[in-house]
Amino acid sequence: MNRWRSRREKVDMQPAQFVRFVLPDESWEELLDEARSETWTRRCKMAVIRLMDGRRVMVRGGRDGIEFALDATGRIMVEASGESVQVAELVWHTHLRVTGPSDWDRQVLDMLDQEASVVIEINGEPNGTTFRRKRR
């Protein structure tokens, strides 16, 4: 979905696109390197999410955000290998530049009833920045 950011530039939010399953023995550093590379070369946000069944998947979105589907009850869902599955946790996601977490990032945490997550920003803290959801 494209929204206008300014008169010159559209906001590029794209639906979550399944990239791959994350293997249980993959290291944090390997995943971060892959996500940073994809973020930089594809100019898109990447995320690792944990599904309700415990599996972790990597997804990509647009330059400015990842849109997750909602089911009829408002649960966040993602397509993974041809099946629609419920998201349990936003483990971490990337930003193309240092901006800090967005209101949308915090809203996702609220929707998941998740206390905190990590944002990995190009040229930011090497291991990312932990952010917390907004208090109601």
Protein backbone atom coordinates (compact mmCIF):
# COMPACT_ATOMS: atom_id res chain seq x y z
CA MET A 1 0.00 0.00 0.00
CA ASN A 2 1.40 3.37 -0.96
CA ARG A 3 0.58 6.49 1.02
CA TRP A 4 2.06 9.93 0.44
CA ARG A 5 5.00 10.78 2.71
CA SER A 6 5.52 14.21 1.19
CA ARG A 7 4.66 15.85 -2.09
CA ARG A 8 7.57 14.05 -3.72
CA GLU A 9 7.80 10.66 -2.08
CA LYS A 10 5.23 7.91 -1.52
CA VAL A 11 5.26 5.82 1.64
CA ASP A 12 6.04 2.25 0.64
CA MET A 13 4.33 -0.23 2.98
CA GLN A 14 4.03 -3.74 1.53
CA PRO A 15 2.30 -6.89 2.75
CA ALA A 16 4.53 -9.32 4.64
CA GLN A 17 6.15 -11.62 2.12
CA PHE A 18 7.47 -14.96 3.36
CA VAL A 19 11.22 -15.24 2.72
CA ARG A 20 12.13 -18.45 4.57
CA PHE A 21 11.97 -20.42 7.78
CA VAL A 22 14.72 -19.68 10.29
CA LEU A 23 16.56 -22.82 11.36
CA PRO A 24 16.79 -23.52 15.11
CA ASP A 25 20.60 -23.51 15.05
CA GLU A 26 21.08 -20.30 13.06
CA SER A 27 23.05 -17.67 14.90
CA TRP A 28 21.81 -14.16 15.64
CA GLU A 29 24.84 -12.74 13.78
CA GLU A 30 24.13 -14.73 10.60
CA LEU A 31 20.50 -13.64 10.60
CA LEU A 32 21.41 -10.01 11.21
CA ASP A 33 23.97 -10.05 8.41
CA GLU A 34 21.43 -11.50 5.99
CA ALA A 35 18.72 -9.05 7.03
CA ARG A 36 21.03 -6.03 6.83
CA SER A 37 22.18 -7.08 3.37
CA GLU A 38 18.61 -7.60 2.15
CA THR A 39 17.47 -4.34 3.72
CA TRP A 40 20.25 -2.39 2.02
CA THR A 41 20.18 -4.05 -1.42
CA ARG A 42 16.39 -4.44 -1.76
CA ARG A 43 15.58 -1.19 0.08
CA CYS A 44 12.99 -2.95 2.22
CA LYS A 45 12.30 -3.80 5.82
CA MET A 46 13.00 -7.33 6.98
CA ALA A 47 11.67 -9.05 10.10
CA VAL A 48 12.02 -12.27 12.01
CA ILE A 49 8.77 -13.33 13.64
CA ARG A 50 7.85 -16.28 15.83
CA LEU A 51 4.70 -18.17 14.93
CA MET A 52 2.25 -19.65 17.44
CA ASP A 53 3.67 -23.12 16.76
CA GLY A 54 7.16 -21.92 17.76
CA ARG A 55 8.70 -21.79 14.29
CA ARG A 56 10.47 -18.59 13.28
CA VAL A 57 10.22 -17.07 9.82
CA MET A 58 11.87 -14.21 7.98
CA VAL A 59 9.55 -11.87 6.07
CA ARG A 60 10.05 -8.73 4.01
CA GLY A 61 7.91 -5.69 3.35
CA GLY A 62 8.32 -2.32 1.71
CA ARG A 63 10.85 0.43 2.25
CA ASP A 64 8.74 2.06 4.96
CA GLY A 65 7.01 -0.89 6.57
CA ILE A 66 5.63 -4.39 6.64
CA GLU A 67 1.86 -4.82 6.62
CA PHE A 68 0.55 -7.89 8.39
CA ALA A 69 -2.81 -9.45 7.59
CA LEU A 70 -5.47 -9.65 10.29
CA ASP A 71 -7.98 -12.46 10.64
CA ALA A 72 -11.65 -11.86 11.53
CA THR A 73 -10.81 -11.65 15.24
CA GLY A 74 -7.94 -9.16 14.77
CA ARG A 75 -5.08 -11.64 15.21
CA ILE A 76 -1.94 -10.91 13.17
CA MET A 77 -1.42 -13.55 10.49
CA VAL A 78 1.27 -14.29 7.91
CA GLU A 79 1.50 -16.64 4.93
CA ALA A 80 4.32 -19.13 5.44
CA SER A 81 4.91 -21.83 2.86
CA GLY A 82 1.36 -21.62 1.57
CA GLU A 83 -0.46 -21.63 4.90
CA SER A 84 -1.88 -18.77 6.92
CA VAL A 85 -0.45 -18.90 10.44
CA GLN A 86 -0.80 -16.71 13.53
CA VAL A 87 2.09 -14.50 14.60
CA ALA A 88 3.09 -14.80 18.25
CA GLU A 89 6.06 -12.41 18.44
CA LEU A 90 7.92 -9.78 16.47
CA VAL A 91 11.46 -10.90 17.34
CA TRP A 92 13.18 -8.06 15.46
CA HIS A 93 12.92 -6.01 12.31
CA THR A 94 15.14 -3.69 10.28
CA HIS A 95 15.08 -0.02 9.31
CA LEU A 96 17.00 1.46 6.37
CA ARG A 97 18.30 4.28 8.53
CA VAL A 98 18.41 5.31 12.17
CA THR A 99 14.93 6.54 13.07
CA GLY A 100 14.05 4.69 16.24
CA PRO A 101 10.84 2.69 16.53
CA SER A 102 7.76 4.06 14.80
CA ASP A 103 4.25 4.34 16.19
CA TRP A 104 3.36 1.41 13.91
CA ASP A 105 6.18 -0.69 15.45
CA ARG A 106 4.73 -0.06 18.89
CA GLN A 107 1.19 -0.73 17.68
CA VAL A 108 2.25 -4.19 16.47
CA LEU A 109 3.61 -4.92 19.96
CA ASP A 110 0.28 -3.82 21.45
CA MET A 111 -1.63 -6.07 19.04
CA LEU A 112 0.59 -9.03 19.97
CA ASP A 113 0.45 -8.18 23.69
CA GLN A 114 4.25 -8.19 23.54
CA GLU A 115 6.32 -6.10 25.93
CA ALA A 116 9.42 -5.43 23.81
CA SER A 117 11.19 -6.12 20.53
CA VAL A 118 14.37 -5.05 18.74
CA VAL A 119 14.88 -2.73 15.79
CA ILE A 120 18.04 -3.22 13.70
CA GLU A 121 18.93 0.03 11.93
CA ILE A 122 21.49 0.44 9.17
CA ASN A 123 24.31 2.55 10.72
CA GLY A 124 22.70 2.11 14.14
CA GLU A 125 23.66 0.03 17.17
CA PRO A 126 25.32 -3.18 15.93
CA ASN A 127 23.03 -5.48 17.93
CA GLY A 128 19.95 -3.33 17.55
CA THR A 129 17.90 -1.25 19.94
CA THR A 130 15.28 -2.69 22.27
CA PHE A 131 12.01 -0.79 22.27
CA ARG A 132 8.85 -1.21 24.32
CA ARG A 133 5.19 -0.91 23.49
CA LYS A 134 3.19 2.14 24.47
CA ARG A 135 1.41 1.96 27.77
CA ARG A 136 -2.33 2.43 27.65
